[in-house]
Each structure stands twice: as C-alpha cells, then as structure tokens.
Amino acid sequence: MIGLILKDIYSLKKMWKSVIFITAFYTFLAFASGNYFVLNIMLCLYVIMLPLTSIASDEKCKWEKYALCTPSSSSKIVLSKYCTSLL
C-alpha cells in the first residue's frame, strides 16, 4: 500500500508547487483579513480535489488496466487514494 501512496504522490508532483503557492496565498489573506473561513473552505476543497486529480491522471494513463494485473485489491487502491489526500 505504501507503493500505491508513493505512486499517487509522484503523479501529483507537478501540482504540488501550485498547491503550496495557493495555500500560502490564502493563509496570508486569512491572517491579514482575520477571516479564517476562506482558508477552511480552500483546504476542504483541496482535500476533495487531490484524490480526484489522482484518479483522473490514472485514467489518462490507463493505470486501472495495470492495477487489475497486480496483487493489490481494489479496496487497497481506494484506501491509498484516501491516505494520499490525508497526507
């Protein structure tokens, strides 16, 4: 399962720079205005968006066909997506 999580992290590598930049921007904006609601909403959206982006990149590369040939069960694959979003 660690390999599946690493696969997701490596596939989202290009997106991490923009995620860190936008998170830093909204954190600065929240502290400057005193409105932390915007920061909470943005972080919730990223938690939802990261696994969806990972699934979309897997579909683009046709990874699900390869995943069926591996000894990993489908529940472990789905669990790795959730663990990636929590990290």
PDB file of N, CA and C in Angstrom:
ATOM      1  N   MET A   1       0.817  -1.181   0.000  1.00  0.00           N
ATOM      2  CA  MET A   1       0.000   0.000   0.000  1.00  0.00           C
ATOM      3  C   MET A   1       0.873   1.261   0.000  1.00  0.00           C
ATOM      4  N   ILE A   2       2.038   1.193   0.590  1.00  0.00           N
ATOM      5  CA  ILE A   2       2.947   2.338   0.593  1.00  0.00           C
ATOM      6  C   ILE A   2       3.351   2.664  -0.843  1.00  0.00           C
ATOM      7  N   GLY A   3       3.526   1.642  -1.658  1.00  0.00           N
ATOM      8  CA  GLY A   3       3.863   1.868  -3.060  1.00  0.00           C
ATOM      9  C   GLY A   3       2.754   2.593  -3.808  1.00  0.00           C
ATOM     10  N   LEU A   4       1.503   2.282  -3.495  1.00  0.00           N
ATOM     11  CA  LEU A   4       0.384   2.962  -4.137  1.00  0.00           C
ATOM     12  C   LEU A   4       0.323   4.432  -3.720  1.00  0.00           C
ATOM     13  N   ILE A   5       0.598   4.699  -2.447  1.00  0.00           N
ATOM     14  CA  ILE A   5       0.598   6.076  -1.962  1.00  0.00           C
ATOM     15  C   ILE A   5       1.736   6.860  -2.618  1.00  0.00           C
ATOM     16  N   LEU A   6       2.908   6.241  -2.723  1.00  0.00           N
ATOM     17  CA  LEU A   6       4.031   6.909  -3.386  1.00  0.00           C
ATOM     18  C   LEU A   6       3.736   7.173  -4.857  1.00  0.00           C
ATOM     19  N   LYS A   7       3.043   6.248  -5.509  1.00  0.00           N
ATOM     20  CA  LYS A   7       2.660   6.448  -6.910  1.00  0.00           C
ATOM     21  C   LYS A   7       1.776   7.675  -7.055  1.00  0.00           C
ATOM     22  N   ASP A   8       0.816   7.831  -6.148  1.00  0.00           N
ATOM     23  CA  ASP A   8      -0.066   8.991  -6.203  1.00  0.00           C
ATOM     24  C   ASP A   8       0.692  10.282  -5.925  1.00  0.00           C
ATOM     25  N   ILE A   9       1.601  10.247  -4.967  1.00  0.00           N
ATOM     26  CA  ILE A   9       2.377  11.446  -4.651  1.00  0.00           C
ATOM     27  C   ILE A   9       3.258  11.835  -5.832  1.00  0.00           C
ATOM     28  N   TYR A  10       3.898  10.859  -6.452  1.00  0.00           N
ATOM     29  CA  TYR A  10       4.757  11.157  -7.615  1.00  0.00           C
ATOM     30  C   TYR A  10       3.938  11.643  -8.807  1.00  0.00           C
ATOM     31  N   SER A  11       2.723  11.133  -8.977  1.00  0.00           N
ATOM     32  CA  SER A  11       1.912  11.577 -10.106  1.00  0.00           C
ATOM     33  C   SER A  11       1.375  12.991  -9.886  1.00  0.00           C
ATOM     34  N   LEU A  12       1.248  13.410  -8.634  1.00  0.00           N
ATOM     35  CA  LEU A  12       0.775  14.756  -8.337  1.00  0.00           C
ATOM     36  C   LEU A  12       1.916  15.748  -8.127  1.00  0.00           C
ATOM     37  N   LYS A  13       3.135  15.338  -8.442  1.00  0.00           N
ATOM     38  CA  LYS A  13       4.316  16.161  -8.194  1.00  0.00           C
ATOM     39  C   LYS A  13       4.230  17.521  -8.891  1.00  0.00           C
ATOM     40  N   LYS A  14       3.718  17.554 -10.100  1.00  0.00           N
ATOM     41  CA  LYS A  14       3.621  18.807 -10.847  1.00  0.00           C
ATOM     42  C   LYS A  14       2.638  19.773 -10.190  1.00  0.00           C
ATOM     43  N   MET A  15       1.640  19.228  -9.534  1.00  0.00           N
ATOM     44  CA  MET A  15       0.595  20.047  -8.945  1.00  0.00           C
ATOM     45  C   MET A  15       0.996  20.630  -7.590  1.00  0.00           C
ATOM     46  N   TRP A  16       1.986  20.040  -6.922  1.00  0.00           N
ATOM     47  CA  TRP A  16       2.328  20.446  -5.562  1.00  0.00           C
ATOM     48  C   TRP A  16       2.796  21.890  -5.472  1.00  0.00           C
ATOM     49  N   LYS A  17       3.541  22.374  -6.452  1.00  0.00           N
ATOM     50  CA  LYS A  17       4.026  23.755  -6.404  1.00  0.00           C
ATOM     51  C   LYS A  17       2.869  24.742  -6.381  1.00  0.00           C
ATOM     52  N   SER A  18       1.879  24.522  -7.229  1.00  0.00           N
ATOM     53  CA  SER A  18       0.733  25.432  -7.251  1.00  0.00           C
ATOM     54  C   SER A  18      -0.103  25.286  -5.989  1.00  0.00           C
ATOM     55  N   VAL A  19      -0.211  24.079  -5.452  1.00  0.00           N
ATOM     56  CA  VAL A  19      -0.971  23.873  -4.213  1.00  0.00           C
ATOM     57  C   VAL A  19      -0.317  24.625  -3.064  1.00  0.00           C
ATOM     58  N   ILE A  20       0.995  24.541  -2.958  1.00  0.00           N
ATOM     59  CA  ILE A  20       1.709  25.226  -1.874  1.00  0.00           C
ATOM     60  C   ILE A  20       1.602  26.738  -2.045  1.00  0.00           C
ATOM     61  N   PHE A  21       1.724  27.226  -3.268  1.00  0.00           N
ATOM     62  CA  PHE A  21       1.625  28.667  -3.512  1.00  0.00           C
ATOM     63  C   PHE A  21       0.238  29.188  -3.169  1.00  0.00           C
ATOM     64  N   ILE A  22      -0.801  28.516  -3.628  1.00  0.00           N
ATOM     65  CA  ILE A  22      -2.169  28.973  -3.375  1.00  0.00           C
ATOM     66  C   ILE A  22      -2.513  28.861  -1.894  1.00  0.00           C
ATOM     67  N   THR A  23      -2.037  27.802  -1.239  1.00  0.00           N
ATOM     68  CA  THR A  23      -2.271  27.665   0.198  1.00  0.00           C
ATOM     69  C   THR A  23      -1.585  28.786   0.972  1.00  0.00           C
ATOM     70  N   ALA A  24      -0.358  29.114   0.602  1.00  0.00           N
ATOM     71  CA  ALA A  24       0.343  30.207   1.266  1.00  0.00           C
ATOM     72  C   ALA A  24      -0.365  31.538   1.023  1.00  0.00           C
ATOM     73  N   PHE A  25      -0.865  31.749  -0.185  1.00  0.00           N
ATOM     74  CA  PHE A  25      -1.585  32.979  -0.504  1.00  0.00           C
ATOM     75  C   PHE A  25      -2.847  33.109   0.345  1.00  0.00           C
ATOM     76  N   TYR A  26      -3.652  32.048   0.400  1.00  0.00           N
ATOM     77  CA  TYR A  26      -4.885  32.112   1.184  1.00  0.00           C
ATOM     78  C   TYR A  26      -4.612  32.168   2.686  1.00  0.00           C
ATOM     79  N   THR A  27      -3.517  31.581   3.138  1.00  0.00           N
ATOM     80  CA  THR A  27      -3.148  31.691   4.547  1.00  0.00           C
ATOM     81  C   THR A  27      -2.798  33.137   4.881  1.00  0.00           C
ATOM     82  N   PHE A  28      -2.000  33.774   4.023  1.00  0.00           N
ATOM     83  CA  PHE A  28      -1.675  35.185   4.216  1.00  0.00           C
ATOM     84  C   PHE A  28      -2.932  36.038   4.179  1.00  0.00           C
ATOM     85  N   LEU A  29      -3.817  35.771   3.227  1.00  0.00           N
ATOM     86  CA  LEU A  29      -5.056  36.531   3.093  1.00  0.00           C
ATOM     87  C   LEU A  29      -5.944  36.358   4.325  1.00  0.00           C
ATOM     88  N   ALA A  30      -6.004  35.132   4.854  1.00  0.00           N
ATOM     89  CA  ALA A  30      -6.830  34.876   6.034  1.00  0.00           C
ATOM     90  C   ALA A  30      -6.286  35.597   7.263  1.00  0.00           C
ATOM     91  N   PHE A  31      -4.957  35.565   7.447  1.00  0.00           N
ATOM     92  CA  PHE A  31      -4.379  36.246   8.604  1.00  0.00           C
ATOM     93  C   PHE A  31      -4.458  37.765   8.463  1.00  0.00           C
ATOM     94  N   ALA A  32      -4.343  38.274   7.251  1.00  0.00           N
ATOM     95  CA  ALA A  32      -4.400  39.717   7.038  1.00  0.00           C
ATOM     96  C   ALA A  32      -5.809  40.259   7.267  1.00  0.00           C
ATOM     97  N   SER A  33      -6.819  39.518   6.844  1.00  0.00           N
ATOM     98  CA  SER A  33      -8.194  39.998   6.980  1.00  0.00           C
ATOM     99  C   SER A  33      -8.861  39.525   8.267  1.00  0.00           C
ATOM    100  N   GLY A  34      -8.313  38.504   8.898  1.00  0.00           N
ATOM    101  CA  GLY A  34      -8.928  37.952  10.106  1.00  0.00           C
ATOM    102  C   GLY A  34     -10.097  37.031   9.803  1.00  0.00           C
ATOM    103  N   ASN A  35     -10.309  36.716   8.529  1.00  0.00           N
ATOM    104  CA  ASN A  35     -11.403  35.840   8.116  1.00  0.00           C
ATOM    105  C   ASN A  35     -10.815  34.464   7.796  1.00  0.00           C
ATOM    106  N   TYR A  36     -10.921  33.547   8.730  1.00  0.00           N
ATOM    107  CA  TYR A  36     -10.338  32.220   8.565  1.00  0.00           C
ATOM    108  C   TYR A  36     -11.277  31.253   7.853  1.00  0.00           C
ATOM    109  N   PHE A  37     -12.502  31.684   7.602  1.00  0.00           N
ATOM    110  CA  PHE A  37     -13.472  30.839   6.916  1.00  0.00           C
ATOM    111  C   PHE A  37     -13.007  30.507   5.501  1.00  0.00           C
ATOM    112  N   VAL A  38     -12.415  31.470   4.826  1.00  0.00           N
ATOM    113  CA  VAL A  38     -11.928  31.268   3.455  1.00  0.00           C
ATOM    114  C   VAL A  38     -10.834  30.211   3.435  1.00  0.00           C
ATOM    115  N   LEU A  39      -9.932  30.244   4.416  1.00  0.00           N
ATOM    116  CA  LEU A  39      -8.854  29.270   4.497  1.00  0.00           C
ATOM    117  C   LEU A  39      -9.405  27.866   4.737  1.00  0.00           C
ATOM    118  N   ASN A  40     -10.402  27.744   5.599  1.00  0.00           N
ATOM    119  CA  ASN A  40     -11.009  26.437   5.862  1.00  0.00           C
ATOM    120  C   ASN A  40     -11.684  25.867   4.621  1.00  0.00           C
ATOM    121  N   ILE A  41     -12.404  26.693   3.910  1.00  0.00           N
ATOM    122  CA  ILE A  41     -13.083  26.241   2.685  1.00  0.00           C
ATOM    123  C   ILE A  41     -12.063  25.815   1.640  1.00  0.00           C
ATOM    124  N   MET A  42     -10.985  26.593   1.486  1.00  0.00           N
ATOM    125  CA  MET A  42      -9.964  26.276   0.489  1.00  0.00           C
ATOM    126  C   MET A  42      -9.283  24.947   0.819  1.00  0.00           C
ATOM    127  N   LEU A  43      -8.968  24.724   2.089  1.00  0.00           N
ATOM    128  CA  LEU A  43      -8.338  23.464   2.473  1.00  0.00           C
ATOM    129  C   LEU A  43      -9.273  22.278   2.266  1.00  0.00           C
ATOM    130  N   CYS A  44     -10.549  22.459   2.535  1.00  0.00           N
ATOM    131  CA  CYS A  44     -11.522  21.385   2.278  1.00  0.00           C
ATOM    132  C   CYS A  44     -11.618  21.069   0.789  1.00  0.00           C
ATOM    133  N   LEU A  45     -11.569  22.101  -0.041  1.00  0.00           N
ATOM    134  CA  LEU A  45     -11.607  21.873  -1.485  1.00  0.00           C
ATOM    135  C   LEU A  45     -10.386  21.112  -1.967  1.00  0.00           C
ATOM    136  N   TYR A  46      -9.211  21.413  -1.402  1.00  0.00           N
ATOM    137  CA  TYR A  46      -8.013  20.677  -1.796  1.00  0.00           C
ATOM    138  C   TYR A  46      -8.069  19.217  -1.356  1.00  0.00           C
ATOM    139  N   VAL A  47      -8.636  18.964  -0.196  1.00  0.00           N
ATOM    140  CA  VAL A  47      -8.764  17.581   0.266  1.00  0.00           C
ATOM    141  C   VAL A  47      -9.665  16.793  -0.677  1.00  0.00           C
ATOM    142  N   ILE A  48     -10.657  17.453  -1.234  1.00  0.00           N
ATOM    143  CA  ILE A  48     -11.545  16.794  -2.194  1.00  0.00           C
ATOM    144  C   ILE A  48     -10.888  16.705  -3.569  1.00  0.00           C
ATOM    145  N   MET A  49     -10.177  17.749  -3.959  1.00  0.00           N
ATOM    146  CA  MET A  49      -9.647  17.842  -5.312  1.00  0.00           C
ATOM    147  C   MET A  49      -8.442  16.935  -5.560  1.00  0.00           C
ATOM    148  N   LEU A  50      -7.590  16.727  -4.580  1.00  0.00           N
ATOM    149  CA  LEU A  50      -6.378  15.928  -4.788  1.00  0.00           C
ATOM    150  C   LEU A  50      -6.667  14.477  -5.165  1.00  0.00           C
ATOM    151  N   PRO A  51      -7.556  13.757  -4.456  1.00  0.00           N
ATOM    152  CA  PRO A  51      -7.828  12.390  -4.911  1.00  0.00           C
ATOM    153  C   PRO A  51      -8.512  12.339  -6.277  1.00  0.00           C
ATOM    154  N   LEU A  52      -9.349  13.325  -6.567  1.00  0.00           N
ATOM    155  CA  LEU A  52      -9.996  13.346  -7.879  1.00  0.00           C
ATOM    156  C   LEU A  52      -8.981  13.586  -8.988  1.00  0.00           C
ATOM    157  N   THR A  53      -8.011  14.440  -8.736  1.00  0.00           N
ATOM    158  CA  THR A  53      -6.951  14.683  -9.717  1.00  0.00           C
ATOM    159  C   THR A  53      -6.103  13.436  -9.908  1.00  0.00           C
ATOM    160  N   SER A  54      -5.851  12.726  -8.821  1.00  0.00           N
ATOM    161  CA  SER A  54      -5.085  11.485  -8.903  1.00  0.00           C
ATOM    162  C   SER A  54      -5.831  10.427  -9.714  1.00  0.00           C
ATOM    163  N   ILE A  55      -7.115  10.328  -9.500  1.00  0.00           N
ATOM    164  CA  ILE A  55      -7.927   9.366 -10.257  1.00  0.00           C
ATOM    165  C   ILE A  55      -7.957   9.745 -11.734  1.00  0.00           C
ATOM    166  N   ALA A  56      -8.070  11.040 -12.020  1.00  0.00           N
ATOM    167  CA  ALA A  56      -8.101  11.489 -13.413  1.00  0.00           C
ATOM    168  C   ALA A  56      -6.774  11.216 -14.121  1.00  0.00           C
ATOM    169  N   SER A  57      -5.657  11.411 -13.414  1.00  0.00           N
ATOM    170  CA  SER A  57      -4.365  11.127 -14.047  1.00  0.00           C
ATOM    171  C   SER A  57      -4.171   9.628 -14.249  1.00  0.00           C
ATOM    172  N   ASP A  58      -4.721   8.804 -13.337  1.00  0.00           N
ATOM    173  CA  ASP A  58      -4.663   7.355 -13.524  1.00  0.00           C
ATOM    174  C   ASP A  58      -5.480   6.925 -14.736  1.00  0.00           C
ATOM    175  N   GLU A  59      -6.639   7.543 -14.918  1.00  0.00           N
ATOM    176  CA  GLU A  59      -7.465   7.204 -16.081  1.00  0.00           C
ATOM    177  C   GLU A  59      -6.787   7.646 -17.380  1.00  0.00           C
ATOM    178  N   LYS A  60      -6.105   8.782 -17.334  1.00  0.00           N
ATOM    179  CA  LYS A  60      -5.422   9.277 -18.528  1.00  0.00           C
ATOM    180  C   LYS A  60      -4.310   8.328 -18.962  1.00  0.00           C
ATOM    181  N   CYS A  61      -3.624   7.756 -17.988  1.00  0.00           N
ATOM    182  CA  CYS A  61      -2.529   6.823 -18.283  1.00  0.00           C
ATOM    183  C   CYS A  61      -3.001   5.375 -18.412  1.00  0.00           C
ATOM    184  N   LYS A  62      -4.292   5.152 -18.261  1.00  0.00           N
ATOM    185  CA  LYS A  62      -4.886   3.806 -18.305  1.00  0.00           C
ATOM    186  C   LYS A  62      -4.258   2.882 -17.253  1.00  0.00           C
ATOM    187  N   TRP A  63      -4.083   3.429 -16.051  1.00  0.00           N
ATOM    188  CA  TRP A  63      -3.454   2.682 -14.972  1.00  0.00           C
ATOM    189  C   TRP A  63      -4.372   1.593 -14.418  1.00  0.00           C
ATOM    190  N   GLU A  64      -5.673   1.768 -14.536  1.00  0.00           N
ATOM    191  CA  GLU A  64      -6.590   0.772 -13.954  1.00  0.00           C
ATOM    192  C   GLU A  64      -6.460  -0.594 -14.618  1.00  0.00           C
ATOM    193  N   LYS A  65      -6.079  -0.624 -15.886  1.00  0.00           N
ATOM    194  CA  LYS A  65      -5.838  -1.916 -16.540  1.00  0.00           C
ATOM    195  C   LYS A  65      -4.625  -2.613 -15.929  1.00  0.00           C
ATOM    196  N   TYR A  66      -3.596  -1.842 -15.632  1.00  0.00           N
ATOM    197  CA  TYR A  66      -2.409  -2.406 -14.986  1.00  0.00           C
ATOM    198  C   TYR A  66      -2.715  -2.817 -13.554  1.00  0.00           C
ATOM    199  N   ALA A  67      -3.536  -2.041 -12.869  1.00  0.00           N
ATOM    200  CA  ALA A  67      -3.858  -2.334 -11.468  1.00  0.00           C
ATOM    201  C   ALA A  67      -4.587  -3.665 -11.325  1.00  0.00           C
ATOM    202  N   LEU A  68      -5.348  -4.033 -12.338  1.00  0.00           N
ATOM    203  CA  LEU A  68      -6.052  -5.314 -12.283  1.00  0.00           C
ATOM    204  C   LEU A  68      -5.092  -6.493 -12.353  1.00  0.00           C
ATOM    205  N   CYS A  69      -3.908  -6.278 -12.899  1.00  0.00           N
ATOM    206  CA  CYS A  69      -2.911  -7.347 -13.010  1.00  0.00           C
ATOM    207  C   CYS A  69      -2.040  -7.473 -11.764  1.00  0.00           C
ATOM    208  N   THR A  70      -2.079  -6.496 -10.891  1.00  0.00           N
ATOM    209  CA  THR A  70      -1.248  -6.520  -9.683  1.00  0.00           C
ATOM    210  C   THR A  70      -1.966  -7.289  -8.574  1.00  0.00           C
ATOM    211  N   PRO A  71      -1.229  -7.733  -7.565  1.00  0.00           N
ATOM    212  CA  PRO A  71      -1.880  -8.456  -6.465  1.00  0.00           C
ATOM    213  C   PRO A  71      -2.628  -7.550  -5.496  1.00  0.00           C
ATOM    214  N   SER A  72      -2.665  -6.240  -5.749  1.00  0.00           N
ATOM    215  CA  SER A  72      -3.387  -5.314  -4.875  1.00  0.00           C
ATOM    216  C   SER A  72      -4.881  -5.456  -5.089  1.00  0.00           C
ATOM    217  N   SER A  73      -5.616  -5.435  -3.990  1.00  0.00           N
ATOM    218  CA  SER A  73      -7.075  -5.498  -4.116  1.00  0.00           C
ATOM    219  C   SER A  73      -7.604  -4.102  -4.419  1.00  0.00           C
ATOM    220  N   SER A  74      -8.821  -4.045  -4.919  1.00  0.00           N
ATOM    221  CA  SER A  74      -9.397  -2.741  -5.259  1.00  0.00           C
ATOM    222  C   SER A  74      -9.645  -1.902  -4.013  1.00  0.00           C
ATOM    223  N   SER A  75      -9.899  -2.554  -2.884  1.00  0.00           N
ATOM    224  CA  SER A  75     -10.095  -1.785  -1.650  1.00  0.00           C
ATOM    225  C   SER A  75      -8.800  -1.112  -1.204  1.00  0.00           C
ATOM    226  N   LYS A  76      -7.653  -1.773  -1.409  1.00  0.00           N
ATOM    227  CA  LYS A  76      -6.371  -1.147  -1.067  1.00  0.00           C
ATOM    228  C   LYS A  76      -6.069   0.027  -1.985  1.00  0.00           C
ATOM    229  N   ILE A  77      -6.452  -0.077  -3.238  1.00  0.00           N
ATOM    230  CA  ILE A  77      -6.230   1.008  -4.174  1.00  0.00           C
ATOM    231  C   ILE A  77      -7.052   2.231  -3.776  1.00  0.00           C
ATOM    232  N   VAL A  78      -8.303   2.015  -3.415  1.00  0.00           N
ATOM    233  CA  VAL A  78      -9.163   3.117  -2.989  1.00  0.00           C
ATOM    234  C   VAL A  78      -8.669   3.692  -1.666  1.00  0.00           C
ATOM    235  N   LEU A  79      -8.259   2.835  -0.746  1.00  0.00           N
ATOM    236  CA  LEU A  79      -7.740   3.293   0.536  1.00  0.00           C
ATOM    237  C   LEU A  79      -6.475   4.124   0.361  1.00  0.00           C
ATOM    238  N   SER A  80      -5.643   3.766  -0.610  1.00  0.00           N
ATOM    239  CA  SER A  80      -4.432   4.552  -0.856  1.00  0.00           C
ATOM    240  C   SER A  80      -4.763   5.949  -1.362  1.00  0.00           C
ATOM    241  N   LYS A  81      -5.855   6.093  -2.125  1.00  0.00           N
ATOM    242  CA  LYS A  81      -6.275   7.425  -2.581  1.00  0.00           C
ATOM    243  C   LYS A  81      -6.670   8.293  -1.390  1.00  0.00           C
ATOM    244  N   TYR A  82      -7.403   7.713  -0.435  1.00  0.00           N
ATOM    245  CA  TYR A  82      -7.812   8.467   0.752  1.00  0.00           C
ATOM    246  C   TYR A  82      -6.612   8.795   1.631  1.00  0.00           C
ATOM    247  N   CYS A  83      -5.683   7.872   1.775  1.00  0.00           N
ATOM    248  CA  CYS A  83      -4.489   8.140   2.582  1.00  0.00           C
ATOM    249  C   CYS A  83      -3.630   9.230   1.952  1.00  0.00           C
ATOM    250  N   THR A  84      -3.569   9.254   0.632  1.00  0.00           N
ATOM    251  CA  THR A  84      -2.829  10.304  -0.063  1.00  0.00           C
ATOM    252  C   THR A  84      -3.449  11.659   0.198  1.00  0.00           C
ATOM    253  N   SER A  85      -4.777  11.719   0.181  1.00  0.00           N
ATOM    254  CA  SER A  85      -5.432  13.014   0.427  1.00  0.00           C
ATOM    255  C   SER A  85      -5.250  13.473   1.856  1.00  0.00           C
ATOM    256  N   LEU A  86      -5.127  12.535   2.805  1.00  0.00           N
ATOM    257  CA  LEU A  86      -4.908  12.926   4.189  1.00  0.00           C
ATOM    258  C   LEU A  86      -3.488  13.408   4.431  1.00  0.00           C
ATOM    259  N   LEU A  87      -2.555  12.865   3.662  1.00  0.00           N
ATOM    260  CA  LEU A  87      -1.163  13.302   3.807  1.00  0.00           C
ATOM    261  C   LEU A  87      -1.015  14.702   3.249  1.00  0.00           C
TER     262      LEU A  87
END
